[in-house]
C-alpha atoms as a PDB file:
ATOM      1  CA  MET A   1     -67.409  40.004 -26.778  1.00  0.00           C
ATOM      2  CA  ASN A   2     -66.264  43.319 -28.293  1.00  0.00           C
ATOM      3  CA  ILE A   3     -67.625  45.274 -31.352  1.00  0.00           C
ATOM      4  CA  TYR A   4     -66.098  47.414 -33.026  1.00  0.00           C
ATOM      5  CA  ILE A   5     -67.539  49.880 -35.786  1.00  0.00           C
ATOM      6  CA  TYR A   6     -65.527  51.853 -38.294  1.00  0.00           C
ATOM      7  CA  PHE A   7     -66.428  54.362 -41.119  1.00  0.00           C
ATOM      8  CA  ARG A   8     -65.440  57.567 -43.048  1.00  0.00           C
ATOM      9  CA  THR A   9     -66.970  60.471 -44.041  1.00  0.00           C
ATOM     10  CA  ALA A  10     -66.241  63.636 -45.477  1.00  0.00           C
ATOM     11  CA  PRO A  11     -64.454  66.130 -43.252  1.00  0.00           C
ATOM     12  CA  GLY A  12     -67.228  68.879 -43.532  1.00  0.00           C
ATOM     13  CA  ASP A  13     -69.517  66.135 -42.002  1.00  0.00           C
ATOM     14  CA  ARG A  14     -67.308  65.911 -38.639  1.00  0.00           C
ATOM     15  CA  GLN A  15     -69.883  68.032 -35.861  1.00  0.00           C
ATOM     16  CA  THR A  16     -73.077  66.136 -37.569  1.00  0.00           C
ATOM     17  CA  VAL A  17     -71.874  63.047 -37.326  1.00  0.00           C
ATOM     18  CA  ALA A  18     -70.191  63.355 -33.587  1.00  0.00           C
ATOM     19  CA  THR A  19     -73.422  64.953 -32.581  1.00  0.00           C
ATOM     20  CA  ARG A  20     -75.677  62.179 -34.045  1.00  0.00           C
ATOM     21  CA  ILE A  21     -73.639  59.370 -33.332  1.00  0.00           C
ATOM     22  CA  HIS A  22     -73.214  60.250 -29.549  1.00  0.00           C
ATOM     23  CA  GLN A  23     -77.161  61.019 -29.308  1.00  0.00           C
ATOM     24  CA  LEU A  24     -77.417  57.268 -30.538  1.00  0.00           C
ATOM     25  CA  MET A  25     -75.101  56.256 -28.089  1.00  0.00           C
ATOM     26  CA  ALA A  26     -76.932  57.828 -25.052  1.00  0.00           C
ATOM     27  CA  GLU A  27     -80.103  56.305 -26.445  1.00  0.00           C
ATOM     28  CA  LEU A  28     -78.522  52.824 -26.486  1.00  0.00           C
ATOM     29  CA  LEU A  29     -77.403  53.569 -23.118  1.00  0.00           C
ATOM     30  CA  HIS A  30     -80.806  54.296 -21.775  1.00  0.00           C
ATOM     31  CA  GLU A  31     -82.644  51.511 -24.003  1.00  0.00           C
ATOM     32  CA  ARG A  32     -80.468  48.970 -23.474  1.00  0.00           C
ATOM     33  CA  GLY A  33     -77.794  49.561 -20.665  1.00  0.00           C
ATOM     34  CA  ILE A  34     -74.988  49.213 -23.577  1.00  0.00           C
ATOM     35  CA  CYS A  35     -72.575  51.749 -23.688  1.00  0.00           C
ATOM     36  CA  GLY A  36     -70.179  53.147 -26.632  1.00  0.00           C
ATOM     37  CA  GLU A  37     -67.020  54.687 -27.354  1.00  0.00           C
ATOM     38  CA  LEU A  38     -66.815  56.862 -30.420  1.00  0.00           C
ATOM     39  CA  MET A  39     -63.084  57.805 -31.430  1.00  0.00           C
ATOM     40  CA  LEU A  40     -61.731  59.792 -34.410  1.00  0.00           C
ATOM     41  CA  ARG A  41     -58.482  58.378 -36.186  1.00  0.00           C
ATOM     42  CA  SER A  42     -55.821  61.376 -37.008  1.00  0.00           C
ATOM     43  CA  GLU A  43     -55.714  61.011 -40.933  1.00  0.00           C
ATOM     44  CA  SER A  44     -52.782  62.256 -42.713  1.00  0.00           C
ATOM     45  CA  ASP A  45     -55.002  62.055 -45.456  1.00  0.00           C
ATOM     46  CA  LYS A  46     -57.564  65.019 -44.548  1.00  0.00           C
ATOM     47  CA  SER A  47     -59.845  64.284 -47.519  1.00  0.00           C
ATOM     48  CA  TYR A  48     -61.921  61.875 -45.103  1.00  0.00           C
ATOM     49  CA  LEU A  49     -62.538  61.367 -41.577  1.00  0.00           C
ATOM     50  CA  THR A  50     -62.299  57.498 -40.026  1.00  0.00           C
ATOM     51  CA  TRP A  51     -64.249  57.004 -37.033  1.00  0.00           C
ATOM     52  CA  MET A  52     -64.526  53.894 -34.623  1.00  0.00           C
ATOM     53  CA  GLU A  53     -67.746  52.969 -32.410  1.00  0.00           C
ATOM     54  CA  VAL A  54     -66.778  50.682 -29.813  1.00  0.00           C
ATOM     55  CA  TYR A  55     -69.506  48.612 -27.944  1.00  0.00           C
ATOM     56  CA  ALA A  56     -67.841  46.332 -25.306  1.00  0.00           C
ATOM     57  CA  GLY A  57     -68.397  43.585 -22.837  1.00  0.00           C
ATOM     58  CA  LEU A  58     -71.795  42.318 -24.749  1.00  0.00           C
ATOM     59  CA  ALA A  59     -73.035  38.152 -23.799  1.00  0.00           C
ATOM     60  CA  ALA A  60     -72.560  36.583 -27.331  1.00  0.00           C
ATOM     61  CA  ASP A  61     -76.117  35.913 -27.735  1.00  0.00           C
ATOM     62  CA  GLU A  62     -76.428  40.020 -27.780  1.00  0.00           C
ATOM     63  CA  VAL A  63     -74.222  40.798 -30.349  1.00  0.00           C
ATOM     64  CA  ASP A  64     -76.851  39.950 -33.486  1.00  0.00           C
ATOM     65  CA  PRO A  65     -79.823  41.576 -32.093  1.00  0.00           C
ATOM     66  CA  PHE A  66     -77.856  44.383 -31.035  1.00  0.00           C
ATOM     67  CA  LEU A  67     -75.917  44.443 -34.443  1.00  0.00           C
ATOM     68  CA  GLU A  68     -79.661  44.946 -36.102  1.00  0.00           C
ATOM     69  CA  HIS A  69     -81.349  47.281 -33.811  1.00  0.00           C
ATOM     70  CA  LEU A  70     -78.157  49.665 -33.914  1.00  0.00           C
ATOM     71  CA  SER A  71     -78.315  48.923 -37.907  1.00  0.00           C
ATOM     72  CA  GLU A  72     -81.868  50.407 -37.794  1.00  0.00           C
ATOM     73  CA  ARG A  73     -80.419  53.306 -35.469  1.00  0.00           C
ATOM     74  CA  VAL A  74     -78.206  54.275 -37.580  1.00  0.00           C
ATOM     75  CA  ASN A  75     -80.835  54.575 -40.579  1.00  0.00           C
ATOM     76  CA  ARG A  76     -83.262  56.346 -38.635  1.00  0.00           C
ATOM     77  CA  ALA A  77     -80.361  59.141 -37.221  1.00  0.00           C
ATOM     78  CA  GLY A  78     -79.555  59.609 -41.406  1.00  0.00           C
ATOM     79  CA  LEU A  79     -76.065  58.747 -40.751  1.00  0.00           C
ATOM     80  CA  ASN A  80     -75.883  56.677 -43.817  1.00  0.00           C
ATOM     81  CA  ARG A  81     -76.025  59.638 -46.089  1.00  0.00           C
ATOM     82  CA  LEU A  82     -72.936  60.269 -44.341  1.00  0.00           C
ATOM     83  CA  ILE A  83     -70.891  57.910 -44.161  1.00  0.00           C
ATOM     84  CA  VAL A  84     -68.562  57.163 -47.624  1.00  0.00           C
ATOM     85  CA  GLY A  85     -68.544  53.583 -48.058  1.00  0.00           C
ATOM     86  CA  GLU A  86     -69.693  51.137 -45.482  1.00  0.00           C
ATOM     87  CA  ARG A  87     -69.634  50.921 -41.829  1.00  0.00           C
ATOM     88  CA  GLN A  88     -67.307  47.673 -41.291  1.00  0.00           C
ATOM     89  CA  VAL A  89     -68.357  45.734 -37.937  1.00  0.00           C
ATOM     90  CA  GLU A  90     -65.744  43.744 -36.490  1.00  0.00           C
ATOM     91  CA  ARG A  91     -66.497  41.200 -33.771  1.00  0.00           C
ATOM     92  CA  PHE A  92     -63.923  40.368 -31.048  1.00  0.00           C
ATOM     93  CA  GLU A  93     -63.586  37.695 -27.965  1.00  0.00           C
ATOM     94  CA  HIS A  94     -62.006  38.156 -24.619  1.00  0.00           C
ATOM     95  CA  GLN A  95     -59.490  35.344 -24.096  1.00  0.00           C
ATOM     96  CA  PRO A  96     -58.892  34.208 -20.766  1.00  0.00           C
ATOM     97  CA  GLY A  97     -55.411  34.589 -19.022  1.00  0.00           C
ATOM     98  CA  ASN A  98     -54.577  37.342 -21.249  1.00  0.00           C
ATOM     99  CA  ASP A  99     -54.976  40.320 -19.731  1.00  0.00           C
ATOM    100  CA  ALA A 100     -51.808  41.838 -18.229  1.00  0.00           C
ATOM    101  CA  ARG A 101     -54.119  43.972 -15.478  1.00  0.00           C
ATOM    102  CA  ALA A 102     -55.788  41.161 -14.516  1.00  0.00           C
ATOM    103  CA  ASN A 103     -52.826  39.511 -13.721  1.00  0.00           C
ATOM    104  CA  PRO A 104     -50.049  41.480 -11.825  1.00  0.00           C
ATOM    105  CA  GLU A 105     -47.537  38.586 -11.990  1.00  0.00           C
ATOM    106  CA  ASN A 106     -47.268  40.084 -16.039  1.00  0.00           C
ATOM    107  CA  HIS A 107     -45.826  43.232 -14.498  1.00  0.00           C
END
């Protein structure tokens, strides 16, 4: 299962947010072996930044404990004070047979 978390911040907080999220992801990798990826959407409206965290390949029974742990870590890192609105969490499951990379006949 893949987890996608998106949220907004003020443009002036860009470096602080990036530093704290990268530090948090390094800790998650060390503590739980879960690798995260941080992305930033290109916005035409420059009054905010939209960030996306991606955590891929979690087992279904790992997701809820991971999200609870992540929420605690976000609070401890002081990220909630920098986020405008709420962090939105989406869960997506891989579907067998629909990955063109895994099936050369689809090319």
